[in-house]
Amino acid sequence: MDDSRDLDRADLTSFLNDLARGQADAAATLMPRVLSELHAIADAYLRRQSAGHTLQPTALVHEAFLRLFDRDLAHFNDRKHFFALAARSMRQVLVDHARAAQRDKRGGGRLRVTLDERLADPATPPPELLDFDAVLGELDALDERQGRIVELRFFGGLDVQEIAEVMALSKSTVEREWRAARAWLGVRLEGWGA
C-alpha cells in the first residue's frame, strides 16, 4: 500500500494547497493517499477507546478534513504542517462528539482515552476525553510548547522526529518536553475514573 510519507514533499504540499484553493482536479491524484494516512491515525486512536464509543474512523477523518478546508485561504507549508493541523482538527471533532454524547446521555457514553501505556496504570480506567481535553487546556496555558507536543503526539499520531520537524525543535528537546508533559499529566490526572 502506498503511503503519503513516500510522496514527494513538494508534490504533496502543492496538492494540499491546490485543494485548499478549490481545485478539485488535484483530489484525484493524491486524495486517496492523504485520506488513507489520516484514516490510519484515526483508527489507531479510536482502537484505544472504550467499546461503547460511537464515532467511527471514517467519520472522524471526514469531519476533520472538512473542518480543515472550511477556512478561507487555508494554506499548508508542507506535509507535516498539514498533519499538525489535522491533529488539532481531530481533537476538536472528538471533543465536540464527546460533548454531544454527554449532553444526550446526561454524562454517560463519554469517550475514554489512554495517553500512553507507560503513563497509564492498567488497573486504573483511562480519563474521559473531556477531562483530558480540559487538562490539556491547562497544560497549554502553563506551557504552550508542551501542550502542542502532546496534541501532535496524541491526536496527530506524529512521532518525536516528526514533531521536532513540525515545531522546528531538536529531537532531544521534544523528547525532554514530552517526558515533562507526560509527568505533569500523570500527576494532574491521578485518580481519574475514581
N, C-alpha and C. Protein backbone atom coordinates (compact mmCIF):
# COMPACT_ATOMS: atom_id res chain seq x y z
N MET A 1 0.84 -1.18 0.00
CA MET A 1 0.00 0.00 0.00
C MET A 1 0.88 1.23 0.00
N ASP A 2 0.54 2.21 -0.82
CA ASP A 2 1.30 3.44 -0.88
C ASP A 2 1.04 4.25 0.38
N ASP A 3 2.05 4.95 0.79
CA ASP A 3 1.95 5.76 1.99
C ASP A 3 2.31 7.18 1.61
N SER A 4 1.53 8.17 2.07
CA SER A 4 1.80 9.55 1.69
C SER A 4 3.15 10.01 2.20
N ARG A 5 3.75 9.30 3.16
CA ARG A 5 5.10 9.65 3.62
C ARG A 5 6.11 9.43 2.50
N ASP A 6 5.79 8.56 1.55
CA ASP A 6 6.70 8.28 0.46
C ASP A 6 6.56 9.29 -0.68
N LEU A 7 5.53 10.11 -0.62
CA LEU A 7 5.30 11.07 -1.68
C LEU A 7 6.33 12.18 -1.63
N ASP A 8 6.62 12.73 -2.78
CA ASP A 8 7.50 13.89 -2.85
C ASP A 8 6.85 15.02 -2.06
N ARG A 9 7.59 15.60 -1.13
CA ARG A 9 7.05 16.64 -0.25
C ARG A 9 6.49 17.82 -1.04
N ALA A 10 7.18 18.23 -2.09
CA ALA A 10 6.71 19.37 -2.89
C ALA A 10 5.39 19.04 -3.57
N ASP A 11 5.26 17.81 -4.10
CA ASP A 11 4.02 17.41 -4.74
C ASP A 11 2.85 17.41 -3.76
N LEU A 12 3.08 16.88 -2.58
CA LEU A 12 2.01 16.82 -1.58
C LEU A 12 1.63 18.22 -1.12
N THR A 13 2.61 19.06 -0.86
CA THR A 13 2.33 20.44 -0.45
C THR A 13 1.54 21.16 -1.53
N SER A 14 1.96 21.01 -2.77
CA SER A 14 1.26 21.64 -3.89
C SER A 14 -0.18 21.12 -3.98
N PHE A 15 -0.35 19.80 -3.84
CA PHE A 15 -1.69 19.19 -3.88
C PHE A 15 -2.58 19.77 -2.78
N LEU A 16 -2.06 19.84 -1.56
CA LEU A 16 -2.86 20.33 -0.45
C LEU A 16 -3.27 21.79 -0.66
N ASN A 17 -2.36 22.59 -1.15
CA ASN A 17 -2.69 23.99 -1.39
C ASN A 17 -3.64 24.16 -2.57
N ASP A 18 -3.50 23.34 -3.62
CA ASP A 18 -4.46 23.36 -4.72
C ASP A 18 -5.85 22.97 -4.21
N LEU A 19 -5.91 21.96 -3.38
CA LEU A 19 -7.18 21.52 -2.82
C LEU A 19 -7.81 22.61 -1.97
N ALA A 20 -6.98 23.29 -1.16
CA ALA A 20 -7.48 24.37 -0.31
C ALA A 20 -8.03 25.52 -1.15
N ARG A 21 -7.48 25.71 -2.34
CA ARG A 21 -7.96 26.77 -3.25
C ARG A 21 -9.17 26.31 -4.07
N GLY A 22 -9.62 25.11 -3.84
CA GLY A 22 -10.82 24.63 -4.52
C GLY A 22 -10.57 23.97 -5.86
N GLN A 23 -9.35 23.63 -6.16
CA GLN A 23 -9.04 22.97 -7.43
C GLN A 23 -9.27 21.47 -7.27
N ALA A 24 -10.48 21.05 -7.59
CA ALA A 24 -10.92 19.67 -7.34
C ALA A 24 -10.12 18.64 -8.12
N ASP A 25 -9.55 19.02 -9.26
CA ASP A 25 -8.80 18.04 -10.05
C ASP A 25 -7.57 17.54 -9.30
N ALA A 26 -7.10 18.32 -8.33
CA ALA A 26 -5.96 17.88 -7.52
C ALA A 26 -6.33 16.67 -6.66
N ALA A 27 -7.60 16.57 -6.33
CA ALA A 27 -8.05 15.50 -5.44
C ALA A 27 -7.85 14.11 -6.03
N ALA A 28 -8.02 13.97 -7.30
CA ALA A 28 -7.94 12.65 -7.93
C ALA A 28 -6.56 12.02 -7.77
N THR A 29 -5.53 12.81 -7.71
CA THR A 29 -4.18 12.29 -7.67
C THR A 29 -3.76 11.79 -6.30
N LEU A 30 -3.85 12.63 -5.31
CA LEU A 30 -3.28 12.28 -4.02
C LEU A 30 -4.28 12.12 -2.89
N MET A 31 -5.53 12.47 -3.12
CA MET A 31 -6.53 12.39 -2.05
C MET A 31 -6.60 11.01 -1.40
N PRO A 32 -6.61 9.91 -2.17
CA PRO A 32 -6.69 8.60 -1.51
C PRO A 32 -5.53 8.34 -0.54
N ARG A 33 -4.34 8.79 -0.89
CA ARG A 33 -3.18 8.57 -0.02
C ARG A 33 -3.27 9.41 1.25
N VAL A 34 -3.68 10.67 1.12
CA VAL A 34 -3.81 11.55 2.28
C VAL A 34 -4.90 11.01 3.21
N LEU A 35 -6.04 10.67 2.63
CA LEU A 35 -7.14 10.14 3.46
C LEU A 35 -6.75 8.82 4.11
N SER A 36 -5.98 8.01 3.42
CA SER A 36 -5.54 6.74 3.97
C SER A 36 -4.67 6.96 5.22
N GLU A 37 -3.77 7.91 5.15
CA GLU A 37 -2.92 8.17 6.31
C GLU A 37 -3.72 8.76 7.47
N LEU A 38 -4.64 9.68 7.16
CA LEU A 38 -5.50 10.23 8.22
C LEU A 38 -6.36 9.13 8.83
N HIS A 39 -6.86 8.23 8.00
CA HIS A 39 -7.69 7.13 8.50
C HIS A 39 -6.87 6.23 9.43
N ALA A 40 -5.63 5.96 9.09
CA ALA A 40 -4.77 5.12 9.95
C ALA A 40 -4.58 5.78 11.32
N ILE A 41 -4.38 7.09 11.34
CA ILE A 41 -4.23 7.82 12.60
C ILE A 41 -5.52 7.72 13.41
N ALA A 42 -6.66 7.98 12.76
CA ALA A 42 -7.95 7.93 13.45
C ALA A 42 -8.25 6.53 13.95
N ASP A 43 -7.97 5.53 13.14
CA ASP A 43 -8.22 4.14 13.52
C ASP A 43 -7.38 3.76 14.75
N ALA A 44 -6.12 4.13 14.73
CA ALA A 44 -5.24 3.82 15.87
C ALA A 44 -5.74 4.52 17.12
N TYR A 45 -6.17 5.76 16.99
CA TYR A 45 -6.69 6.49 18.15
C TYR A 45 -7.96 5.83 18.68
N LEU A 46 -8.91 5.55 17.81
CA LEU A 46 -10.21 5.03 18.25
C LEU A 46 -10.12 3.59 18.76
N ARG A 47 -9.12 2.84 18.32
CA ARG A 47 -8.94 1.47 18.83
C ARG A 47 -8.60 1.49 20.33
N ARG A 48 -8.02 2.57 20.81
CA ARG A 48 -7.65 2.66 22.22
C ARG A 48 -8.83 3.06 23.10
N GLN A 49 -9.98 3.35 22.48
CA GLN A 49 -11.14 3.83 23.23
C GLN A 49 -11.98 2.66 23.76
N SER A 50 -12.87 3.01 24.67
CA SER A 50 -13.78 2.01 25.22
C SER A 50 -14.69 1.49 24.11
N ALA A 51 -15.22 0.31 24.31
CA ALA A 51 -16.03 -0.35 23.29
C ALA A 51 -17.31 0.42 22.99
N GLY A 52 -17.76 1.27 23.88
CA GLY A 52 -19.04 1.95 23.70
C GLY A 52 -19.00 3.21 22.85
N HIS A 53 -17.84 3.63 22.38
CA HIS A 53 -17.83 4.87 21.60
C HIS A 53 -18.52 4.65 20.26
N THR A 54 -19.12 5.73 19.74
CA THR A 54 -19.92 5.60 18.53
C THR A 54 -19.29 6.23 17.31
N LEU A 55 -18.22 6.98 17.48
CA LEU A 55 -17.58 7.62 16.34
C LEU A 55 -16.68 6.62 15.62
N GLN A 56 -16.82 6.52 14.32
CA GLN A 56 -16.02 5.61 13.52
C GLN A 56 -14.85 6.37 12.88
N PRO A 57 -13.74 5.69 12.58
CA PRO A 57 -12.57 6.37 12.00
C PRO A 57 -12.89 7.16 10.73
N THR A 58 -13.70 6.59 9.85
CA THR A 58 -14.03 7.28 8.61
C THR A 58 -14.78 8.58 8.88
N ALA A 59 -15.72 8.55 9.81
CA ALA A 59 -16.47 9.75 10.16
C ALA A 59 -15.55 10.80 10.78
N LEU A 60 -14.65 10.37 11.64
CA LEU A 60 -13.69 11.29 12.25
C LEU A 60 -12.82 11.94 11.18
N VAL A 61 -12.30 11.16 10.26
CA VAL A 61 -11.45 11.69 9.19
C VAL A 61 -12.22 12.68 8.33
N HIS A 62 -13.42 12.31 7.91
CA HIS A 62 -14.19 13.19 7.03
C HIS A 62 -14.53 14.51 7.71
N GLU A 63 -14.96 14.44 8.95
CA GLU A 63 -15.30 15.68 9.67
C GLU A 63 -14.06 16.55 9.88
N ALA A 64 -12.96 15.94 10.27
CA ALA A 64 -11.72 16.70 10.45
C ALA A 64 -11.26 17.31 9.14
N PHE A 65 -11.35 16.54 8.06
CA PHE A 65 -10.93 17.02 6.75
C PHE A 65 -11.79 18.20 6.31
N LEU A 66 -13.10 18.10 6.50
CA LEU A 66 -13.99 19.20 6.14
C LEU A 66 -13.67 20.46 6.94
N ARG A 67 -13.37 20.28 8.21
CA ARG A 67 -13.02 21.45 9.03
C ARG A 67 -11.71 22.08 8.58
N LEU A 68 -10.78 21.26 8.15
CA LEU A 68 -9.50 21.80 7.67
C LEU A 68 -9.69 22.68 6.45
N PHE A 69 -10.59 22.29 5.57
CA PHE A 69 -10.77 23.02 4.33
C PHE A 69 -11.96 23.96 4.38
N ASP A 70 -12.54 24.13 5.56
CA ASP A 70 -13.66 25.05 5.73
C ASP A 70 -13.14 26.39 6.26
N ARG A 71 -11.98 26.77 5.82
CA ARG A 71 -11.36 28.02 6.25
C ARG A 71 -11.02 28.82 5.00
N ASP A 72 -11.17 30.12 5.11
CA ASP A 72 -10.76 30.97 3.99
C ASP A 72 -9.24 30.94 3.89
N LEU A 73 -8.77 30.77 2.69
CA LEU A 73 -7.33 30.81 2.41
C LEU A 73 -6.52 29.81 3.21
N ALA A 74 -7.03 28.60 3.33
CA ALA A 74 -6.24 27.56 4.01
C ALA A 74 -4.94 27.39 3.25
N HIS A 75 -3.83 27.32 3.98
CA HIS A 75 -2.52 27.18 3.36
C HIS A 75 -1.69 26.22 4.21
N PHE A 76 -1.00 25.31 3.54
CA PHE A 76 -0.19 24.32 4.24
C PHE A 76 1.24 24.47 3.77
N ASN A 77 2.16 24.63 4.71
CA ASN A 77 3.57 24.79 4.38
C ASN A 77 4.17 23.50 3.81
N ASP A 78 3.77 22.37 4.38
CA ASP A 78 4.28 21.09 3.94
C ASP A 78 3.42 19.99 4.55
N ARG A 79 3.80 18.75 4.29
CA ARG A 79 3.06 17.59 4.78
C ARG A 79 2.89 17.60 6.30
N LYS A 80 3.96 17.88 7.01
CA LYS A 80 3.91 17.85 8.46
C LYS A 80 3.02 18.96 9.02
N HIS A 81 3.05 20.13 8.38
CA HIS A 81 2.17 21.22 8.79
C HIS A 81 0.71 20.80 8.61
N PHE A 82 0.40 20.15 7.48
CA PHE A 82 -0.96 19.67 7.25
C PHE A 82 -1.39 18.68 8.34
N PHE A 83 -0.51 17.71 8.64
CA PHE A 83 -0.90 16.70 9.62
C PHE A 83 -0.95 17.28 11.04
N ALA A 84 -0.18 18.32 11.31
CA ALA A 84 -0.29 19.01 12.60
C ALA A 84 -1.65 19.69 12.72
N LEU A 85 -2.08 20.35 11.65
CA LEU A 85 -3.40 20.97 11.66
C LEU A 85 -4.50 19.90 11.70
N ALA A 86 -4.26 18.78 11.04
CA ALA A 86 -5.23 17.67 11.08
C ALA A 86 -5.37 17.14 12.51
N ALA A 87 -4.27 17.09 13.26
CA ALA A 87 -4.32 16.63 14.66
C ALA A 87 -5.22 17.55 15.47
N ARG A 88 -5.05 18.85 15.29
CA ARG A 88 -5.88 19.81 16.03
C ARG A 88 -7.35 19.66 15.62
N SER A 89 -7.59 19.47 14.33
CA SER A 89 -8.95 19.31 13.84
C SER A 89 -9.60 18.03 14.40
N MET A 90 -8.83 16.92 14.44
CA MET A 90 -9.36 15.68 15.00
C MET A 90 -9.68 15.85 16.48
N ARG A 91 -8.83 16.55 17.20
CA ARG A 91 -9.09 16.82 18.61
C ARG A 91 -10.40 17.56 18.77
N GLN A 92 -10.62 18.59 17.95
CA GLN A 92 -11.86 19.36 18.04
C GLN A 92 -13.08 18.50 17.73
N VAL A 93 -12.98 17.65 16.72
CA VAL A 93 -14.10 16.77 16.37
C VAL A 93 -14.40 15.82 17.52
N LEU A 94 -13.36 15.21 18.08
CA LEU A 94 -13.55 14.26 19.18
C LEU A 94 -14.17 14.93 20.40
N VAL A 95 -13.69 16.12 20.74
CA VAL A 95 -14.24 16.84 21.89
C VAL A 95 -15.69 17.24 21.63
N ASP A 96 -15.99 17.74 20.44
CA ASP A 96 -17.37 18.09 20.11
C ASP A 96 -18.28 16.87 20.17
N HIS A 97 -17.79 15.74 19.67
CA HIS A 97 -18.57 14.49 19.70
C HIS A 97 -18.81 14.05 21.15
N ALA A 98 -17.79 14.13 21.97
CA ALA A 98 -17.93 13.74 23.38
C ALA A 98 -18.89 14.66 24.11
N ARG A 99 -18.82 15.96 23.82
CA ARG A 99 -19.75 16.90 24.46
C ARG A 99 -21.18 16.61 24.05
N ALA A 100 -21.39 16.32 22.78
CA ALA A 100 -22.74 16.00 22.31
C ALA A 100 -23.25 14.72 22.97
N ALA A 101 -22.39 13.72 23.07
CA ALA A 101 -22.80 12.46 23.72
C ALA A 101 -23.12 12.70 25.18
N GLN A 102 -22.34 13.55 25.82
CA GLN A 102 -22.57 13.84 27.24
C GLN A 102 -23.91 14.57 27.41
N ARG A 103 -24.18 15.51 26.53
CA ARG A 103 -25.46 16.22 26.59
C ARG A 103 -26.61 15.26 26.37
N ASP A 104 -26.46 14.38 25.37
CA ASP A 104 -27.53 13.46 25.01
C ASP A 104 -27.81 12.43 26.11
N LYS A 105 -26.77 12.03 26.81
CA LYS A 105 -26.94 10.95 27.78
C LYS A 105 -26.70 11.41 29.22
N ARG A 106 -26.72 12.72 29.44
CA ARG A 106 -26.52 13.28 30.78
C ARG A 106 -25.28 12.72 31.47
N GLY A 107 -24.19 12.78 30.76
CA GLY A 107 -22.93 12.36 31.35
C GLY A 107 -22.50 10.96 30.99
N GLY A 108 -23.38 10.16 30.45
CA GLY A 108 -23.00 8.80 30.07
C GLY A 108 -22.44 8.77 28.67
N GLY A 109 -21.83 7.67 28.33
CA GLY A 109 -21.34 7.47 26.98
C GLY A 109 -20.15 8.31 26.58
N ARG A 110 -19.42 8.84 27.55
CA ARG A 110 -18.26 9.66 27.22
C ARG A 110 -17.15 8.79 26.64
N LEU A 111 -16.38 9.37 25.73
CA LEU A 111 -15.25 8.64 25.15
C LEU A 111 -14.13 8.54 26.17
N ARG A 112 -13.49 7.40 26.25
CA ARG A 112 -12.35 7.20 27.13
C ARG A 112 -11.07 7.32 26.33
N VAL A 113 -10.03 7.82 26.97
CA VAL A 113 -8.74 7.98 26.29
C VAL A 113 -7.64 7.35 27.12
N THR A 114 -6.58 6.91 26.45
CA THR A 114 -5.38 6.44 27.11
C THR A 114 -4.22 7.20 26.51
N LEU A 115 -3.44 7.86 27.36
CA LEU A 115 -2.34 8.68 26.86
C LEU A 115 -1.22 7.83 26.30
N ASP A 116 -0.73 6.94 27.09
CA ASP A 116 0.46 6.19 26.72
C ASP A 116 0.52 5.03 27.71
N GLU A 117 0.81 3.87 27.23
CA GLU A 117 0.85 2.70 28.12
C GLU A 117 1.78 2.93 29.30
N ARG A 118 2.88 3.64 29.09
CA ARG A 118 3.82 3.88 30.18
C ARG A 118 3.28 4.87 31.19
N LEU A 119 2.34 5.71 30.78
CA LEU A 119 1.78 6.70 31.68
C LEU A 119 0.60 6.12 32.45
N ALA A 120 -0.25 5.38 31.77
CA ALA A 120 -1.47 4.89 32.39
C ALA A 120 -1.23 3.59 33.16
N ASP A 121 -1.84 3.52 34.31
CA ASP A 121 -1.81 2.29 35.10
C ASP A 121 -2.94 1.40 34.59
N PRO A 122 -2.64 0.19 34.12
CA PRO A 122 -3.69 -0.65 33.54
C PRO A 122 -4.83 -0.94 34.51
N ALA A 123 -4.59 -0.86 35.80
CA ALA A 123 -5.63 -1.13 36.78
C ALA A 123 -6.56 0.06 36.94
N THR A 124 -6.18 1.23 36.42
CA THR A 124 -6.97 2.44 36.56
C THR A 124 -7.63 2.76 35.24
N PRO A 125 -8.94 3.02 35.24
CA PRO A 125 -9.61 3.37 33.98
C PRO A 125 -8.99 4.65 33.40
N PRO A 126 -8.96 4.78 32.08
CA PRO A 126 -8.40 5.98 31.48
C PRO A 126 -9.28 7.19 31.73
N PRO A 127 -8.73 8.41 31.58
CA PRO A 127 -9.54 9.60 31.80
C PRO A 127 -10.57 9.76 30.69
N GLU A 128 -11.60 10.50 30.98
CA GLU A 128 -12.59 10.83 29.97
C GLU A 128 -11.98 11.82 29.00
N LEU A 129 -12.41 11.78 27.75
CA LEU A 129 -11.88 12.68 26.73
C LEU A 129 -12.07 14.13 27.14
N LEU A 130 -13.24 14.47 27.65
CA LEU A 130 -13.49 15.86 28.03
C LEU A 130 -12.60 16.28 29.19
N ASP A 131 -12.37 15.36 30.14
CA ASP A 131 -11.46 15.66 31.25
C ASP A 131 -10.05 15.86 30.71
N PHE A 132 -9.63 14.97 29.82
CA PHE A 132 -8.30 15.08 29.23
C PHE A 132 -8.15 16.39 28.48
N ASP A 133 -9.17 16.76 27.69
CA ASP A 133 -9.11 18.00 26.93
C ASP A 133 -8.98 19.20 27.86
N ALA A 134 -9.71 19.19 28.98
CA ALA A 134 -9.61 20.29 29.94
C ALA A 134 -8.21 20.37 30.55
N VAL A 135 -7.66 19.23 30.91
CA VAL A 135 -6.31 19.20 31.49
C VAL A 135 -5.28 19.61 30.44
N LEU A 136 -5.48 19.19 29.20
CA LEU A 136 -4.57 19.61 28.13
C LEU A 136 -4.66 21.12 27.93
N GLY A 137 -5.85 21.68 28.09
CA GLY A 137 -6.01 23.14 28.03
C GLY A 137 -5.22 23.83 29.14
N GLU A 138 -5.21 23.22 30.33
CA GLU A 138 -4.42 23.76 31.45
C GLU A 138 -2.93 23.71 31.11
N LEU A 139 -2.50 22.59 30.53
CA LEU A 139 -1.10 22.47 30.15
C LEU A 139 -0.75 23.50 29.08
N ASP A 140 -1.64 23.72 28.13
CA ASP A 140 -1.42 24.75 27.10
C ASP A 140 -1.19 26.12 27.75
N ALA A 141 -1.98 26.41 28.79
CA ALA A 141 -1.85 27.70 29.46
C ALA A 141 -0.52 27.80 30.23
N LEU A 142 -0.08 26.68 30.80
CA LEU A 142 1.18 26.68 31.55
C LEU A 142 2.40 26.64 30.63
N ASP A 143 2.32 25.80 29.62
CA ASP A 143 3.45 25.62 28.71
C ASP A 143 2.91 25.25 27.34
N GLU A 144 2.75 26.26 26.51
CA GLU A 144 2.13 26.07 25.20
C GLU A 144 2.89 25.04 24.35
N ARG A 145 4.21 25.05 24.45
CA ARG A 145 5.01 24.11 23.65
C ARG A 145 4.72 22.68 24.08
N GLN A 146 4.68 22.42 25.37
CA GLN A 146 4.39 21.06 25.84
C GLN A 146 2.98 20.64 25.44
N GLY A 147 2.03 21.56 25.53
CA GLY A 147 0.67 21.26 25.12
C GLY A 147 0.58 20.89 23.66
N ARG A 148 1.32 21.60 22.84
CA ARG A 148 1.34 21.33 21.40
C ARG A 148 1.97 19.97 21.11
N ILE A 149 3.03 19.64 21.83
CA ILE A 149 3.70 18.35 21.66
C ILE A 149 2.74 17.21 21.99
N VAL A 150 2.01 17.35 23.10
CA VAL A 150 1.05 16.31 23.49
C VAL A 150 -0.04 16.20 22.42
N GLU A 151 -0.53 17.32 21.94
CA GLU A 151 -1.57 17.29 20.91
C GLU A 151 -1.09 16.59 19.64
N LEU A 152 0.11 16.93 19.19
CA LEU A 152 0.64 16.32 17.97
C LEU A 152 0.87 14.83 18.15
N ARG A 153 1.33 14.45 19.32
CA ARG A 153 1.62 13.04 19.62
C ARG A 153 0.34 12.25 19.79
N PHE A 154 -0.57 12.80 20.59
CA PHE A 154 -1.77 12.07 20.98
C PHE A 154 -2.84 12.08 19.89
N PHE A 155 -3.13 13.26 19.34
CA PHE A 155 -4.20 13.36 18.36
C PHE A 155 -3.69 13.25 16.92
N GLY A 156 -2.44 13.59 16.69
CA GLY A 156 -1.91 13.57 15.33
C GLY A 156 -1.13 12.33 14.99
N GLY A 157 -0.76 11.55 16.00
CA GLY A 157 -0.03 10.32 15.75
C GLY A 157 1.39 10.55 15.25
N LEU A 158 1.92 11.76 15.44
CA LEU A 158 3.28 12.04 14.99
C LEU A 158 4.29 11.48 15.98
N ASP A 159 5.41 11.03 15.46
CA ASP A 159 6.47 10.56 16.35
C ASP A 159 7.36 11.74 16.75
N VAL A 160 8.32 11.48 17.62
CA VAL A 160 9.17 12.55 18.15
C VAL A 160 9.90 13.29 17.03
N GLN A 161 10.45 12.55 16.07
CA GLN A 161 11.18 13.20 14.97
C GLN A 161 10.26 14.10 14.15
N GLU A 162 9.05 13.63 13.86
CA GLU A 162 8.10 14.43 13.08
C GLU A 162 7.69 15.68 13.85
N ILE A 163 7.47 15.54 15.15
CA ILE A 163 7.12 16.70 15.97
C ILE A 163 8.26 17.71 15.96
N ALA A 164 9.48 17.22 16.07
CA ALA A 164 10.64 18.11 16.03
C ALA A 164 10.67 18.90 14.73
N GLU A 165 10.37 18.24 13.62
CA GLU A 165 10.36 18.93 12.33
C GLU A 165 9.23 19.94 12.24
N VAL A 166 8.01 19.56 12.69
CA VAL A 166 6.87 20.46 12.64
C VAL A 166 7.12 21.71 13.48
N MET A 167 7.70 21.51 14.65
CA MET A 167 7.87 22.62 15.59
C MET A 167 9.24 23.29 15.48
N ALA A 168 10.06 22.81 14.56
CA ALA A 168 11.41 23.36 14.38
C ALA A 168 12.21 23.33 15.69
N LEU A 169 12.18 22.16 16.32
CA LEU A 169 12.92 21.93 17.55
C LEU A 169 13.86 20.74 17.34
N SER A 170 14.82 20.61 18.24
CA SER A 170 15.67 19.42 18.17
C SER A 170 14.90 18.22 18.70
N LYS A 171 15.30 17.05 18.27
CA LYS A 171 14.66 15.82 18.73
C LYS A 171 14.82 15.68 20.24
N SER A 172 15.98 16.02 20.77
CA SER A 172 16.20 15.90 22.22
C SER A 172 15.31 16.86 23.01
N THR A 173 15.05 18.05 22.45
CA THR A 173 14.15 18.99 23.12
C THR A 173 12.74 18.42 23.17
N VAL A 174 12.28 17.86 22.06
CA VAL A 174 10.93 17.27 22.03
C VAL A 174 10.85 16.11 23.01
N GLU A 175 11.87 15.25 23.04
CA GLU A 175 11.86 14.12 23.98
C GLU A 175 11.79 14.61 25.42
N ARG A 176 12.58 15.62 25.76
CA ARG A 176 12.58 16.18 27.12
C ARG A 176 11.22 16.79 27.46
N GLU A 177 10.67 17.57 26.53
CA GLU A 177 9.37 18.22 26.77
C GLU A 177 8.24 17.18 26.86
N TRP A 178 8.32 16.13 26.05
CA TRP A 178 7.31 15.05 26.08
C TRP A 178 7.34 14.35 27.43
N ARG A 179 8.55 14.05 27.93
CA ARG A 179 8.67 13.41 29.26
C ARG A 179 8.09 14.31 30.34
N ALA A 180 8.41 15.59 30.29
CA ALA A 180 7.90 16.53 31.28
C ALA A 180 6.38 16.65 31.21
N ALA A 181 5.85 16.73 29.99
CA ALA A 181 4.40 16.85 29.82
C ALA A 181 3.69 15.60 30.32
N ARG A 182 4.23 14.42 30.00
CA ARG A 182 3.63 13.15 30.47
C ARG A 182 3.64 13.10 31.99
N ALA A 183 4.73 13.53 32.61
CA ALA A 183 4.81 13.52 34.07
C ALA A 183 3.77 14.47 34.66
N TRP A 184 3.66 15.67 34.10
CA TRP A 184 2.68 16.63 34.60
C TRP A 184 1.26 16.10 34.43
N LEU A 185 0.97 15.54 33.25
CA LEU A 185 -0.36 14.98 33.00
C LEU A 185 -0.64 13.81 33.94
N GLY A 186 0.38 12.99 34.19
CA GLY A 186 0.20 11.85 35.09
C GLY A 186 -0.20 12.30 36.49
N VAL A 187 0.43 13.36 36.97
CA VAL A 187 0.10 13.90 38.29
C VAL A 187 -1.29 14.53 38.25
N ARG A 188 -1.54 15.32 37.23
CA ARG A 188 -2.80 16.05 37.13
C ARG A 188 -3.99 15.12 36.96
N LEU A 189 -3.78 14.02 36.27
CA LEU A 189 -4.87 13.08 36.00
C LEU A 189 -4.89 11.92 37.01
N GLU A 190 -4.08 12.02 38.05
CA GLU A 190 -4.03 10.96 39.06
C GLU A 190 -5.41 10.72 39.64
N GLY A 191 -5.77 9.47 39.73
CA GLY A 191 -7.06 9.12 40.32
C GLY A 191 -8.23 9.25 39.34
N TRP A 192 -7.93 9.42 38.03
CA TRP A 192 -9.04 9.51 37.07
C TRP A 192 -9.90 8.26 37.16
N GLY A 193 -11.14 8.44 36.88
CA GLY A 193 -12.07 7.32 36.88
C GLY A 193 -12.54 6.94 38.27
N ALA A 194 -12.05 7.66 39.29
CA ALA A 194 -12.44 7.31 40.66
C ALA A 194 -13.80 7.89 40.98
